[in-house]
C-alpha cells in the first residue's frame, strides 16, 4: 500500500499530513486558510519531494543545495528534523523529531517514495 495525504480541519484552517503505508505521519504542512491552498501544497510536495536534494545542516561546512530541497537540521532538543522546501524556497512540509540521524534520513526517503503516488483523503470529523 502506498502512502496517503490526509487533509484535516483545524481551528484556524486546514492542514495535511503525509502518512507512510504503515500509518506513521512522515510530513506535516503548515495551516492553510483555504482548502484549495492546502491541495496546492499537496501537489507541491508530490512534485518537489522526488526531485529534492538533501542539505545536511548537521554536517560541518555543509553545502547549500538549490531548491527544491530537504533541509535536515538538529532542533533545540537535539533531535533531528527535516523540512521540505519548494522551488520558490517556501517550506511545504516538516517532520517530527527523530532521536537518530539515520531515522531522519529514512523519513526523508519515505517522503520521496510515498509522496508522488499518495492518495489524497479528507478527514471529516475527528
PDB file of N, CA and C in Angstrom:
ATOM      1  N   UNK A   1       0.841  -1.193   0.000  1.00  0.00           N
ATOM      2  CA  UNK A   1       0.000   0.000   0.000  1.00  0.00           C
ATOM      3  C   UNK A   1       0.884   1.253   0.000  1.00  0.00           C
ATOM      4  N   UNK A   2       0.464   2.231  -0.769  1.00  0.00           N
ATOM      5  CA  UNK A   2       1.228   3.487  -0.846  1.00  0.00           C
ATOM      6  C   UNK A   2       0.860   4.403   0.313  1.00  0.00           C
ATOM      7  N   UNK A   3       1.555   5.498   0.383  1.00  0.00           N
ATOM      8  CA  UNK A   3       1.257   6.478   1.417  1.00  0.00           C
ATOM      9  C   UNK A   3      -0.013   7.241   1.079  1.00  0.00           C
ATOM     10  N   UNK A   4      -0.424   8.105   2.015  1.00  0.00           N
ATOM     11  CA  UNK A   4      -1.593   8.930   1.714  1.00  0.00           C
ATOM     12  C   UNK A   4      -1.498  10.279   2.410  1.00  0.00           C
ATOM     13  N   UNK A   5      -2.055  11.268   1.740  1.00  0.00           N
ATOM     14  CA  UNK A   5      -2.191  12.594   2.308  1.00  0.00           C
ATOM     15  C   UNK A   5      -3.542  12.667   2.981  1.00  0.00           C
ATOM     16  N   UNK A   6      -3.565  13.115   4.226  1.00  0.00           N
ATOM     17  CA  UNK A   6      -4.823  13.267   4.950  1.00  0.00           C
ATOM     18  C   UNK A   6      -5.009  14.752   5.250  1.00  0.00           C
ATOM     19  N   UNK A   7      -6.087  15.311   4.694  1.00  0.00           N
ATOM     20  CA  UNK A   7      -6.412  16.718   4.927  1.00  0.00           C
ATOM     21  C   UNK A   7      -7.302  16.804   6.156  1.00  0.00           C
ATOM     22  N   UNK A   8      -6.947  17.702   7.073  1.00  0.00           N
ATOM     23  CA  UNK A   8      -7.701  17.855   8.322  1.00  0.00           C
ATOM     24  C   UNK A   8      -8.050  19.308   8.550  1.00  0.00           C
ATOM     25  N   UNK A   9      -9.236  19.527   9.087  1.00  0.00           N
ATOM     26  CA  UNK A   9      -9.614  20.875   9.521  1.00  0.00           C
ATOM     27  C   UNK A   9      -8.962  21.147  10.873  1.00  0.00           C
ATOM     28  N   UNK A  10      -8.541  22.379  11.087  1.00  0.00           N
ATOM     29  CA  UNK A  10      -8.021  22.801  12.386  1.00  0.00           C
ATOM     30  C   UNK A  10      -8.887  23.973  12.841  1.00  0.00           C
ATOM     31  N   UNK A  11      -8.596  24.508  14.014  1.00  0.00           N
ATOM     32  CA  UNK A  11      -9.358  25.667  14.499  1.00  0.00           C
ATOM     33  C   UNK A  11      -9.180  26.886  13.603  1.00  0.00           C
ATOM     34  N   UNK A  12      -8.033  26.947  12.917  1.00  0.00           N
ATOM     35  CA  UNK A  12      -7.723  28.147  12.140  1.00  0.00           C
ATOM     36  C   UNK A  12      -7.679  27.922  10.631  1.00  0.00           C
ATOM     37  N   UNK A  13      -7.968  26.714  10.166  1.00  0.00           N
ATOM     38  CA  UNK A  13      -7.935  26.449   8.729  1.00  0.00           C
ATOM     39  C   UNK A  13      -7.845  24.966   8.434  1.00  0.00           C
ATOM     40  N   UNK A  14      -7.023  24.621   7.457  1.00  0.00           N
ATOM     41  CA  UNK A  14      -6.829  23.216   7.074  1.00  0.00           C
ATOM     42  C   UNK A  14      -5.340  22.935   6.929  1.00  0.00           C
ATOM     43  N   UNK A  15      -4.958  21.674   7.195  1.00  0.00           N
ATOM     44  CA  UNK A  15      -3.570  21.243   7.020  1.00  0.00           C
ATOM     45  C   UNK A  15      -3.579  19.824   6.497  1.00  0.00           C
ATOM     46  N   UNK A  16      -2.406  19.340   6.087  1.00  0.00           N
ATOM     47  CA  UNK A  16      -2.324  17.934   5.673  1.00  0.00           C
ATOM     48  C   UNK A  16      -1.169  17.241   6.364  1.00  0.00           C
ATOM     49  N   UNK A  17      -1.330  15.934   6.504  1.00  0.00           N
ATOM     50  CA  UNK A  17      -0.258  15.057   6.951  1.00  0.00           C
ATOM     51  C   UNK A  17      -0.018  14.059   5.829  1.00  0.00           C
ATOM     52  N   UNK A  18       1.249  13.747   5.572  1.00  0.00           N
ATOM     53  CA  UNK A  18       1.577  12.647   4.671  1.00  0.00           C
ATOM     54  C   UNK A  18       1.884  11.457   5.554  1.00  0.00           C
ATOM     55  N   UNK A  19       1.127  10.389   5.357  1.00  0.00           N
ATOM     56  CA  UNK A  19       1.328   9.175   6.152  1.00  0.00           C
ATOM     57  C   UNK A  19       1.963   8.100   5.283  1.00  0.00           C
ATOM     58  N   UNK A  20       2.929   7.385   5.861  1.00  0.00           N
ATOM     59  CA  UNK A  20       3.551   6.253   5.169  1.00  0.00           C
ATOM     60  C   UNK A  20       2.548   5.099   5.138  1.00  0.00           C
ATOM     61  N   UNK A  21       2.891   4.059   4.404  1.00  0.00           N
ATOM     62  CA  UNK A  21       1.974   2.913   4.286  1.00  0.00           C
ATOM     63  C   UNK A  21       1.687   2.273   5.637  1.00  0.00           C
ATOM     64  N   UNK A  22       2.587   2.461   6.625  1.00  0.00           N
ATOM     65  CA  UNK A  22       2.353   1.890   7.957  1.00  0.00           C
ATOM     66  C   UNK A  22       1.511   2.809   8.851  1.00  0.00           C
ATOM     67  N   UNK A  23       1.060   3.936   8.296  1.00  0.00           N
ATOM     68  CA  UNK A  23       0.201   4.836   9.064  1.00  0.00           C
ATOM     69  C   UNK A  23       0.954   5.915   9.834  1.00  0.00           C
ATOM     70  N   UNK A  24       2.296   5.847   9.839  1.00  0.00           N
ATOM     71  CA  UNK A  24       3.100   6.856  10.531  1.00  0.00           C
ATOM     72  C   UNK A  24       3.052   8.173   9.769  1.00  0.00           C
ATOM     73  N   UNK A  25       2.943   9.278  10.498  1.00  0.00           N
ATOM     74  CA  UNK A  25       2.996  10.594   9.856  1.00  0.00           C
ATOM     75  C   UNK A  25       4.460  10.915   9.568  1.00  0.00           C
ATOM     76  N   UNK A  26       4.770  11.190   8.288  1.00  0.00           N
ATOM     77  CA  UNK A  26       6.157  11.466   7.921  1.00  0.00           C
ATOM     78  C   UNK A  26       6.373  12.914   7.496  1.00  0.00           C
ATOM     79  N   UNK A  27       5.286  13.651   7.264  1.00  0.00           N
ATOM     80  CA  UNK A  27       5.413  15.061   6.880  1.00  0.00           C
ATOM     81  C   UNK A  27       4.126  15.776   7.244  1.00  0.00           C
ATOM     82  N   UNK A  28       4.252  16.984   7.781  1.00  0.00           N
ATOM     83  CA  UNK A  28       3.089  17.784   8.164  1.00  0.00           C
ATOM     84  C   UNK A  28       3.202  19.160   7.523  1.00  0.00           C
ATOM     85  N   UNK A  29       2.084  19.689   7.069  1.00  0.00           N
ATOM     86  CA  UNK A  29       2.092  21.013   6.430  1.00  0.00           C
ATOM     87  C   UNK A  29       1.842  22.108   7.446  1.00  0.00           C
ATOM     88  N   UNK A  30       1.975  23.326   6.960  1.00  0.00           N
ATOM     89  CA  UNK A  30       1.525  24.478   7.728  1.00  0.00           C
ATOM     90  C   UNK A  30      -0.003  24.462   7.710  1.00  0.00           C
ATOM     91  N   UNK A  31      -0.626  25.374   8.430  1.00  0.00           N
ATOM     92  CA  UNK A  31      -2.081  25.509   8.380  1.00  0.00           C
ATOM     93  C   UNK A  31      -2.416  26.514   7.276  1.00  0.00           C
ATOM     94  N   UNK A  32      -3.258  26.079   6.349  1.00  0.00           N
ATOM     95  CA  UNK A  32      -3.708  26.936   5.242  1.00  0.00           C
ATOM     96  C   UNK A  32      -5.076  27.495   5.598  1.00  0.00           C
ATOM     97  N   UNK A  33      -5.360  28.697   5.114  1.00  0.00           N
ATOM     98  CA  UNK A  33      -6.671  29.285   5.415  1.00  0.00           C
ATOM     99  C   UNK A  33      -7.773  28.677   4.545  1.00  0.00           C
ATOM    100  N   UNK A  34      -7.418  28.205   3.355  1.00  0.00           N
ATOM    101  CA  UNK A  34      -8.410  27.674   2.412  1.00  0.00           C
ATOM    102  C   UNK A  34      -8.033  26.275   1.939  1.00  0.00           C
ATOM    103  N   UNK A  35      -9.042  25.451   1.674  1.00  0.00           N
ATOM    104  CA  UNK A  35      -8.824  24.085   1.182  1.00  0.00           C
ATOM    105  C   UNK A  35      -8.058  24.052  -0.142  1.00  0.00           C
ATOM    106  N   UNK A  36      -8.396  24.912  -1.131  1.00  0.00           N
ATOM    107  CA  UNK A  36      -7.635  24.867  -2.390  1.00  0.00           C
ATOM    108  C   UNK A  36      -6.134  25.112  -2.184  1.00  0.00           C
ATOM    109  N   UNK A  37      -5.773  25.997  -1.275  1.00  0.00           N
ATOM    110  CA  UNK A  37      -4.352  26.256  -0.983  1.00  0.00           C
ATOM    111  C   UNK A  37      -3.699  25.014  -0.404  1.00  0.00           C
ATOM    112  N   UNK A  38      -4.422  24.319   0.468  1.00  0.00           N
ATOM    113  CA  UNK A  38      -3.921  23.083   1.076  1.00  0.00           C
ATOM    114  C   UNK A  38      -3.674  22.040  -0.019  1.00  0.00           C
ATOM    115  N   UNK A  39      -4.618  21.914  -0.944  1.00  0.00           N
ATOM    116  CA  UNK A  39      -4.473  20.945  -2.038  1.00  0.00           C
ATOM    117  C   UNK A  39      -3.298  21.318  -2.945  1.00  0.00           C
ATOM    118  N   UNK A  40      -3.076  22.621  -3.149  1.00  0.00           N
ATOM    119  CA  UNK A  40      -1.908  23.069  -3.918  1.00  0.00           C
ATOM    120  C   UNK A  40      -0.622  22.669  -3.202  1.00  0.00           C
ATOM    121  N   UNK A  41      -0.630  22.764  -1.864  1.00  0.00           N
ATOM    122  CA  UNK A  41       0.523  22.356  -1.065  1.00  0.00           C
ATOM    123  C   UNK A  41       0.839  20.880  -1.262  1.00  0.00           C
ATOM    124  N   UNK A  42      -0.206  20.061  -1.300  1.00  0.00           N
ATOM    125  CA  UNK A  42      -0.038  18.620  -1.531  1.00  0.00           C
ATOM    126  C   UNK A  42       0.589  18.382  -2.907  1.00  0.00           C
ATOM    127  N   UNK A  43       0.067  19.071  -3.932  1.00  0.00           N
ATOM    128  CA  UNK A  43       0.624  18.916  -5.286  1.00  0.00           C
ATOM    129  C   UNK A  43       2.090  19.327  -5.304  1.00  0.00           C
ATOM    130  N   UNK A  44       2.420  20.364  -4.553  1.00  0.00           N
ATOM    131  CA  UNK A  44       3.795  20.847  -4.479  1.00  0.00           C
ATOM    132  C   UNK A  44       4.704  19.792  -3.849  1.00  0.00           C
ATOM    133  N   UNK A  45       4.219  19.117  -2.801  1.00  0.00           N
ATOM    134  CA  UNK A  45       5.003  18.043  -2.173  1.00  0.00           C
ATOM    135  C   UNK A  45       5.191  16.900  -3.171  1.00  0.00           C
ATOM    136  N   UNK A  46       4.122  16.518  -3.865  1.00  0.00           N
ATOM    137  CA  UNK A  46       4.202  15.420  -4.838  1.00  0.00           C
ATOM    138  C   UNK A  46       5.242  15.725  -5.921  1.00  0.00           C
ATOM    139  N   UNK A  47       5.281  16.980  -6.360  1.00  0.00           N
ATOM    140  CA  UNK A  47       6.200  17.396  -7.415  1.00  0.00           C
ATOM    141  C   UNK A  47       7.629  17.552  -6.913  1.00  0.00           C
ATOM    142  N   UNK A  48       7.783  18.201  -5.761  1.00  0.00           N
ATOM    143  CA  UNK A  48       9.114  18.572  -5.286  1.00  0.00           C
ATOM    144  C   UNK A  48       9.863  17.470  -4.539  1.00  0.00           C
ATOM    145  N   UNK A  49       9.146  16.624  -3.797  1.00  0.00           N
ATOM    146  CA  UNK A  49       9.829  15.627  -2.955  1.00  0.00           C
ATOM    147  C   UNK A  49      10.764  14.693  -3.740  1.00  0.00           C
ATOM    148  N   UNK A  50      10.314  14.122  -4.869  1.00  0.00           N
ATOM    149  CA  UNK A  50      11.202  13.184  -5.565  1.00  0.00           C
ATOM    150  C   UNK A  50      12.462  13.862  -6.119  1.00  0.00           C
ATOM    151  N   UNK A  51      12.357  15.144  -6.464  1.00  0.00           N
ATOM    152  CA  UNK A  51      13.469  15.861  -7.099  1.00  0.00           C
ATOM    153  C   UNK A  51      14.357  16.580  -6.088  1.00  0.00           C
ATOM    154  N   UNK A  52      13.914  16.637  -4.836  1.00  0.00           N
ATOM    155  CA  UNK A  52      14.609  17.449  -3.837  1.00  0.00           C
ATOM    156  C   UNK A  52      15.967  16.874  -3.458  1.00  0.00           C
ATOM    157  N   UNK A  53      16.951  17.748  -3.388  1.00  0.00           N
ATOM    158  CA  UNK A  53      18.276  17.372  -2.893  1.00  0.00           C
ATOM    159  C   UNK A  53      18.247  17.377  -1.375  1.00  0.00           C
ATOM    160  N   UNK A  54      19.288  16.805  -0.776  1.00  0.00           N
ATOM    161  CA  UNK A  54      19.400  16.812   0.681  1.00  0.00           C
ATOM    162  C   UNK A  54      20.477  17.796   1.098  1.00  0.00           C
ATOM    163  N   UNK A  55      20.103  18.715   1.965  1.00  0.00           N
ATOM    164  CA  UNK A  55      21.061  19.647   2.564  1.00  0.00           C
ATOM    165  C   UNK A  55      21.183  19.259   4.034  1.00  0.00           C
ATOM    166  N   UNK A  56      22.305  18.648   4.385  1.00  0.00           N
ATOM    167  CA  UNK A  56      22.512  18.165   5.747  1.00  0.00           C
ATOM    168  C   UNK A  56      23.138  19.275   6.585  1.00  0.00           C
ATOM    169  N   UNK A  57      22.292  20.021   7.277  1.00  0.00           N
ATOM    170  CA  UNK A  57      22.773  21.150   8.063  1.00  0.00           C
ATOM    171  C   UNK A  57      23.406  20.712   9.386  1.00  0.00           C
ATOM    172  N   UNK A  58      23.410  19.399   9.648  1.00  0.00           N
ATOM    173  CA  UNK A  58      24.065  18.895  10.853  1.00  0.00           C
ATOM    174  C   UNK A  58      25.543  18.615  10.577  1.00  0.00           C
ATOM    175  N   UNK A  59      25.925  18.618   9.313  1.00  0.00           N
ATOM    176  CA  UNK A  59      27.326  18.357   8.945  1.00  0.00           C
ATOM    177  C   UNK A  59      28.100  19.669   8.971  1.00  0.00           C
ATOM    178  N   UNK A  60      29.317  19.596   9.434  1.00  0.00           N
ATOM    179  CA  UNK A  60      30.145  20.795   9.485  1.00  0.00           C
ATOM    180  C   UNK A  60      30.491  21.232   8.068  1.00  0.00           C
ATOM    181  N   UNK A  61      30.368  22.532   7.793  1.00  0.00           N
ATOM    182  CA  UNK A  61      30.694  23.062   6.473  1.00  0.00           C
ATOM    183  C   UNK A  61      29.840  22.467   5.375  1.00  0.00           C
ATOM    184  N   UNK A  62      28.547  22.232   5.659  1.00  0.00           N
ATOM    185  CA  UNK A  62      27.652  21.601   4.683  1.00  0.00           C
ATOM    186  C   UNK A  62      27.502  22.470   3.428  1.00  0.00           C
ATOM    187  N   UNK A  63      27.207  21.802   2.315  1.00  0.00           N
ATOM    188  CA  UNK A  63      26.944  22.508   1.058  1.00  0.00           C
ATOM    189  C   UNK A  63      25.512  22.998   1.037  1.00  0.00           C
ATOM    190  N   UNK A  64      25.319  24.212   0.585  1.00  0.00           N
ATOM    191  CA  UNK A  64      23.965  24.740   0.417  1.00  0.00           C
ATOM    192  C   UNK A  64      23.436  24.228  -0.912  1.00  0.00           C
ATOM    193  N   UNK A  65      22.303  23.550  -0.872  1.00  0.00           N
ATOM    194  CA  UNK A  65      21.700  22.999  -2.086  1.00  0.00           C
ATOM    195  C   UNK A  65      20.684  23.983  -2.651  1.00  0.00           C
ATOM    196  N   UNK A  66      20.401  23.824  -3.945  1.00  0.00           N
ATOM    197  CA  UNK A  66      19.356  24.632  -4.570  1.00  0.00           C
ATOM    198  C   UNK A  66      17.999  24.038  -4.220  1.00  0.00           C
ATOM    199  N   UNK A  67      16.967  24.878  -4.210  1.00  0.00           N
ATOM    200  CA  UNK A  67      15.597  24.383  -4.028  1.00  0.00           C
ATOM    201  C   UNK A  67      15.145  23.717  -5.313  1.00  0.00           C
ATOM    202  N   UNK A  68      14.278  22.707  -5.270  1.00  0.00           N
ATOM    203  CA  UNK A  68      13.683  22.135  -4.058  1.00  0.00           C
ATOM    204  C   UNK A  68      14.707  21.310  -3.282  1.00  0.00           C
ATOM    205  N   UNK A  69      14.536  21.280  -1.967  1.00  0.00           N
ATOM    206  CA  UNK A  69      15.473  20.531  -1.147  1.00  0.00           C
ATOM    207  C   UNK A  69      14.849  20.118   0.178  1.00  0.00           C
ATOM    208  N   UNK A  70      15.425  19.068   0.738  1.00  0.00           N
ATOM    209  CA  UNK A  70      15.154  18.684   2.118  1.00  0.00           C
ATOM    210  C   UNK A  70      16.266  19.291   2.952  1.00  0.00           C
ATOM    211  N   UNK A  71      15.924  20.014   3.990  1.00  0.00           N
ATOM    212  CA  UNK A  71      16.914  20.524   4.925  1.00  0.00           C
ATOM    213  C   UNK A  71      16.835  19.681   6.182  1.00  0.00           C
ATOM    214  N   UNK A  72      17.932  19.002   6.505  1.00  0.00           N
ATOM    215  CA  UNK A  72      17.979  18.225   7.744  1.00  0.00           C
ATOM    216  C   UNK A  72      18.749  19.047   8.770  1.00  0.00           C
ATOM    217  N   UNK A  73      18.184  19.181   9.963  1.00  0.00           N
ATOM    218  CA  UNK A  73      18.813  20.004  10.994  1.00  0.00           C
ATOM    219  C   UNK A  73      18.542  19.417  12.365  1.00  0.00           C
ATOM    220  N   UNK A  74      19.273  19.920  13.361  1.00  0.00           N
ATOM    221  CA  UNK A  74      19.054  19.494  14.741  1.00  0.00           C
ATOM    222  C   UNK A  74      18.240  20.586  15.441  1.00  0.00           C
ATOM    223  N   UNK A  75      17.207  20.180  16.187  1.00  0.00           N
ATOM    224  CA  UNK A  75      16.381  21.162  16.899  1.00  0.00           C
ATOM    225  C   UNK A  75      16.982  21.450  18.279  1.00  0.00           C
ATOM    226  N   UNK A  76      16.312  22.311  19.026  1.00  0.00           N
ATOM    227  CA  UNK A  76      16.823  22.720  20.345  1.00  0.00           C
ATOM    228  C   UNK A  76      16.949  21.541  21.305  1.00  0.00           C
ATOM    229  N   UNK A  77      16.123  20.519  21.114  1.00  0.00           N
ATOM    230  CA  UNK A  77      16.157  19.344  21.994  1.00  0.00           C
ATOM    231  C   UNK A  77      17.233  18.342  21.560  1.00  0.00           C
ATOM    232  N   UNK A  78      17.945  18.673  20.465  1.00  0.00           N
ATOM    233  CA  UNK A  78      18.987  17.774  19.979  1.00  0.00           C
ATOM    234  C   UNK A  78      18.460  16.660  19.090  1.00  0.00           C
ATOM    235  N   UNK A  79      17.195  16.767  18.678  1.00  0.00           N
ATOM    236  CA  UNK A  79      16.640  15.764  17.771  1.00  0.00           C
ATOM    237  C   UNK A  79      16.835  16.210  16.325  1.00  0.00           C
ATOM    238  N   UNK A  80      16.826  15.222  15.427  1.00  0.00           N
ATOM    239  CA  UNK A  80      16.977  15.503  14.002  1.00  0.00           C
ATOM    240  C   UNK A  80      15.604  15.715  13.387  1.00  0.00           C
ATOM    241  N   UNK A  81      15.502  16.733  12.551  1.00  0.00           N
ATOM    242  CA  UNK A  81      14.255  17.041  11.845  1.00  0.00           C
ATOM    243  C   UNK A  81      14.588  17.401  10.406  1.00  0.00           C
ATOM    244  N   UNK A  82      13.563  17.389   9.554  1.00  0.00           N
ATOM    245  CA  UNK A  82      13.772  17.897   8.201  1.00  0.00           C
ATOM    246  C   UNK A  82      12.567  18.719   7.780  1.00  0.00           C
ATOM    247  N   UNK A  83      12.839  19.604   6.828  1.00  0.00           N
ATOM    248  CA  UNK A  83      11.755  20.368   6.206  1.00  0.00           C
ATOM    249  C   UNK A  83      11.966  20.285   4.698  1.00  0.00           C
ATOM    250  N   UNK A  84      10.862  20.268   3.979  1.00  0.00           N
ATOM    251  CA  UNK A  84      10.897  20.213   2.519  1.00  0.00           C
ATOM    252  C   UNK A  84      10.595  21.601   1.998  1.00  0.00           C
ATOM    253  N   UNK A  85      11.486  22.128   1.177  1.00  0.00           N
ATOM    254  CA  UNK A  85      11.291  23.448   0.576  1.00  0.00           C
ATOM    255  C   UNK A  85      11.010  23.291  -0.907  1.00  0.00           C
ATOM    256  N   UNK A  86      10.055  24.074  -1.394  1.00  0.00           N
ATOM    257  CA  UNK A  86       9.696  24.067  -2.816  1.00  0.00           C
ATOM    258  C   UNK A  86      10.731  24.850  -3.618  1.00  0.00           C
ATOM    259  N   UNK A  87      10.554  24.861  -4.933  1.00  0.00           N
ATOM    260  CA  UNK A  87      11.468  25.596  -5.826  1.00  0.00           C
ATOM    261  C   UNK A  87      11.572  27.066  -5.434  1.00  0.00           C
ATOM    262  N   UNK A  88      10.461  27.645  -4.940  1.00  0.00           N
ATOM    263  CA  UNK A  88      10.450  29.072  -4.584  1.00  0.00           C
ATOM    264  C   UNK A  88      10.997  29.333  -3.180  1.00  0.00           C
ATOM    265  N   UNK A  89      11.464  28.271  -2.520  1.00  0.00           N
ATOM    266  CA  UNK A  89      12.064  28.435  -1.197  1.00  0.00           C
ATOM    267  C   UNK A  89      11.074  28.370  -0.050  1.00  0.00           C
ATOM    268  N   UNK A  90       9.788  28.212  -0.372  1.00  0.00           N
ATOM    269  CA  UNK A  90       8.774  28.104   0.678  1.00  0.00           C
ATOM    270  C   UNK A  90       8.818  26.733   1.322  1.00  0.00           C
ATOM    271  N   UNK A  91       8.624  26.689   2.638  1.00  0.00           N
ATOM    272  CA  UNK A  91       8.563  25.403   3.343  1.00  0.00           C
ATOM    273  C   UNK A  91       7.184  24.802   3.100  1.00  0.00           C
ATOM    274  N   UNK A  92       7.153  23.591   2.556  1.00  0.00           N
ATOM    275  CA  UNK A  92       5.868  22.955   2.258  1.00  0.00           C
ATOM    276  C   UNK A  92       5.571  21.771   3.161  1.00  0.00           C
ATOM    277  N   UNK A  93       6.517  21.404   4.003  1.00  0.00           N
ATOM    278  CA  UNK A  93       6.258  20.329   4.955  1.00  0.00           C
ATOM    279  C   UNK A  93       7.412  20.177   5.917  1.00  0.00           C
ATOM    280  N   UNK A  94       7.097  19.709   7.127  1.00  0.00           N
ATOM    281  CA  UNK A  94       8.112  19.494   8.158  1.00  0.00           C
ATOM    282  C   UNK A  94       7.900  18.114   8.785  1.00  0.00           C
ATOM    283  N   UNK A  95       8.980  17.598   9.361  1.00  0.00           N
ATOM    284  CA  UNK A  95       8.900  16.286  10.008  1.00  0.00           C
ATOM    285  C   UNK A  95       8.749  16.459  11.507  1.00  0.00           C
ATOM    286  N   UNK A  96       8.544  15.315  12.160  1.00  0.00           N
ATOM    287  CA  UNK A  96       8.621  15.304  13.620  1.00  0.00           C
ATOM    288  C   UNK A  96      10.086  15.140  13.989  1.00  0.00           C
ATOM    289  N   UNK A  97      10.405  15.137  15.268  1.00  0.00           N
ATOM    290  CA  UNK A  97      11.784  14.960  15.712  1.00  0.00           C
ATOM    291  C   UNK A  97      12.173  13.492  15.738  1.00  0.00           C
ATOM    292  N   UNK A  98      13.395  13.204  15.332  1.00  0.00           N
ATOM    293  CA  UNK A  98      13.946  11.846  15.368  1.00  0.00           C
ATOM    294  C   UNK A  98      15.150  11.843  16.302  1.00  0.00           C
ATOM    295  N   UNK A  99      15.285  10.797  17.096  1.00  0.00           N
ATOM    296  CA  UNK A  99      16.424  10.677  18.019  1.00  0.00           C
ATOM    297  C   UNK A  99      17.719  10.399  17.232  1.00  0.00           C
ATOM    298  N   UNK A 100      17.613   9.609  16.175  1.00  0.00           N
ATOM    299  CA  UNK A 100      18.792   9.210  15.407  1.00  0.00           C
ATOM    300  C   UNK A 100      18.772   9.830  14.013  1.00  0.00           C
ATOM    301  N   UNK A 101      19.955  10.217  13.552  1.00  0.00           N
ATOM    302  CA  UNK A 101      20.099  10.798  12.219  1.00  0.00           C
ATOM    303  C   UNK A 101      19.637   9.814  11.139  1.00  0.00           C
ATOM    304  N   UNK A 102      19.957   8.527  11.331  1.00  0.00           N
ATOM    305  CA  UNK A 102      19.570   7.506  10.350  1.00  0.00           C
ATOM    306  C   UNK A 102      18.051   7.443  10.202  1.00  0.00           C
ATOM    307  N   UNK A 103      17.328   7.601  11.300  1.00  0.00           N
ATOM    308  CA  UNK A 103      15.858   7.577  11.252  1.00  0.00           C
ATOM    309  C   UNK A 103      15.337   8.779  10.485  1.00  0.00           C
ATOM    310  N   UNK A 104      15.978   9.928  10.673  1.00  0.00           N
ATOM    311  CA  UNK A 104      15.595  11.135   9.957  1.00  0.00           C
ATOM    312  C   UNK A 104      15.809  10.945   8.451  1.00  0.00           C
ATOM    313  N   UNK A 105      16.952  10.369   8.089  1.00  0.00           N
ATOM    314  CA  UNK A 105      17.231  10.092   6.675  1.00  0.00           C
ATOM    315  C   UNK A 105      16.211   9.114   6.098  1.00  0.00           C
ATOM    316  N   UNK A 106      15.811   8.115   6.890  1.00  0.00           N
ATOM    317  CA  UNK A 106      14.769   7.176   6.451  1.00  0.00           C
ATOM    318  C   UNK A 106      13.455   7.908   6.227  1.00  0.00           C
ATOM    319  N   UNK A 107      13.154   8.893   7.090  1.00  0.00           N
ATOM    320  CA  UNK A 107      11.938   9.693   6.935  1.00  0.00           C
ATOM    321  C   UNK A 107      11.938  10.450   5.619  1.00  0.00           C
ATOM    322  N   UNK A 108      13.081  11.030   5.283  1.00  0.00           N
ATOM    323  CA  UNK A 108      13.204  11.756   4.005  1.00  0.00           C
ATOM    324  C   UNK A 108      12.988  10.802   2.837  1.00  0.00           C
ATOM    325  N   UNK A 109      13.627   9.640   2.882  1.00  0.00           N
ATOM    326  CA  UNK A 109      13.453   8.640   1.813  1.00  0.00           C
ATOM    327  C   UNK A 109      11.998   8.215   1.697  1.00  0.00           C
ATOM    328  N   UNK A 110      11.350   8.077   2.847  1.00  0.00           N
ATOM    329  CA  UNK A 110       9.955   7.673   2.873  1.00  0.00           C
ATOM    330  C   UNK A 110       9.066   8.730   2.207  1.00  0.00           C
ATOM    331  N   UNK A 111       9.353  10.006   2.449  1.00  0.00           N
ATOM    332  CA  UNK A 111       8.592  11.078   1.793  1.00  0.00           C
ATOM    333  C   UNK A 111       8.832  11.013   0.288  1.00  0.00           C
ATOM    334  N   UNK A 112      10.090  10.857  -0.121  1.00  0.00           N
ATOM    335  CA  UNK A 112      10.415  10.774  -1.560  1.00  0.00           C
ATOM    336  C   UNK A 112       9.648   9.638  -2.226  1.00  0.00           C
ATOM    337  N   UNK A 113       9.585   8.509  -1.522  1.00  0.00           N
ATOM    338  CA  UNK A 113       8.968   7.297  -2.071  1.00  0.00           C
ATOM    339  C   UNK A 113       7.440   7.383  -2.053  1.00  0.00           C
ATOM    340  N   UNK A 114       6.879   7.874  -0.951  1.00  0.00           N
ATOM    341  CA  UNK A 114       5.424   7.851  -0.777  1.00  0.00           C
ATOM    342  C   UNK A 114       4.673   9.010  -1.426  1.00  0.00           C
ATOM    343  N   UNK A 115       5.282  10.190  -1.464  1.00  0.00           N
ATOM    344  CA  UNK A 115       4.551  11.387  -1.895  1.00  0.00           C
ATOM    345  C   UNK A 115       4.000  11.333  -3.323  1.00  0.00           C
ATOM    346  N   UNK A 116       4.800  10.926  -4.339  1.00  0.00           N
ATOM    347  CA  UNK A 116       4.314  11.052  -5.716  1.00  0.00           C
ATOM    348  C   UNK A 116       3.004  10.331  -6.004  1.00  0.00           C
ATOM    349  N   UNK A 117       2.808   9.147  -5.433  1.00  0.00           N
ATOM    350  CA  UNK A 117       1.623   8.341  -5.754  1.00  0.00           C
ATOM    351  C   UNK A 117       0.613   8.288  -4.619  1.00  0.00           C
ATOM    352  N   UNK A 118       0.841   9.097  -3.591  1.00  0.00           N
ATOM    353  CA  UNK A 118      -0.052   9.041  -2.425  1.00  0.00           C
ATOM    354  C   UNK A 118      -1.454   9.525  -2.799  1.00  0.00           C
ATOM    355  N   UNK A 119      -2.460   8.844  -2.271  1.00  0.00           N
ATOM    356  CA  UNK A 119      -3.836   9.279  -2.483  1.00  0.00           C
ATOM    357  C   UNK A 119      -4.134  10.418  -1.513  1.00  0.00           C
ATOM    358  N   UNK A 120      -5.099  11.232  -1.862  1.00  0.00           N
ATOM    359  CA  UNK A 120      -5.480  12.353  -1.004  1.00  0.00           C
ATOM    360  C   UNK A 120      -6.854  12.070  -0.422  1.00  0.00           C
ATOM    361  N   UNK A 121      -6.958  12.104   0.906  1.00  0.00           N
ATOM    362  CA  UNK A 121      -8.250  11.895   1.568  1.00  0.00           C
ATOM    363  C   UNK A 121      -8.519  13.063   2.491  1.00  0.00           C
ATOM    364  N   UNK A 122      -9.794  13.314   2.727  1.00  0.00           N
ATOM    365  CA  UNK A 122     -10.167  14.374   3.650  1.00  0.00           C
ATOM    366  C   UNK A 122     -10.766  13.737   4.882  1.00  0.00           C
ATOM    367  N   UNK A 123     -10.249  14.111   6.029  1.00  0.00           N
ATOM    368  CA  UNK A 123     -10.781  13.607   7.295  1.00  0.00           C
ATOM    369  C   UNK A 123     -11.974  14.495   7.640  1.00  0.00           C
ATOM    370  N   UNK A 124     -13.110  13.883   7.868  1.00  0.00           N
ATOM    371  CA  UNK A 124     -14.286  14.674   8.192  1.00  0.00           C
ATOM    372  C   UNK A 124     -14.268  15.071   9.666  1.00  0.00           C
ATOM    373  N   UNK A 125     -14.874  14.334  10.500  1.00  0.00           N
ATOM    374  CA  UNK A 125     -14.855  14.675  11.935  1.00  0.00           C
ATOM    375  C   UNK A 125     -13.735  13.902  12.611  1.00  0.00           C
ATOM    376  N   UNK A 126     -13.176  14.472  13.676  1.00  0.00           N
ATOM    377  CA  UNK A 126     -12.076  13.779  14.351  1.00  0.00           C
ATOM    378  C   UNK A 126     -12.596  12.779  15.356  1.00  0.00           C
TER     379      UNK A 126
END
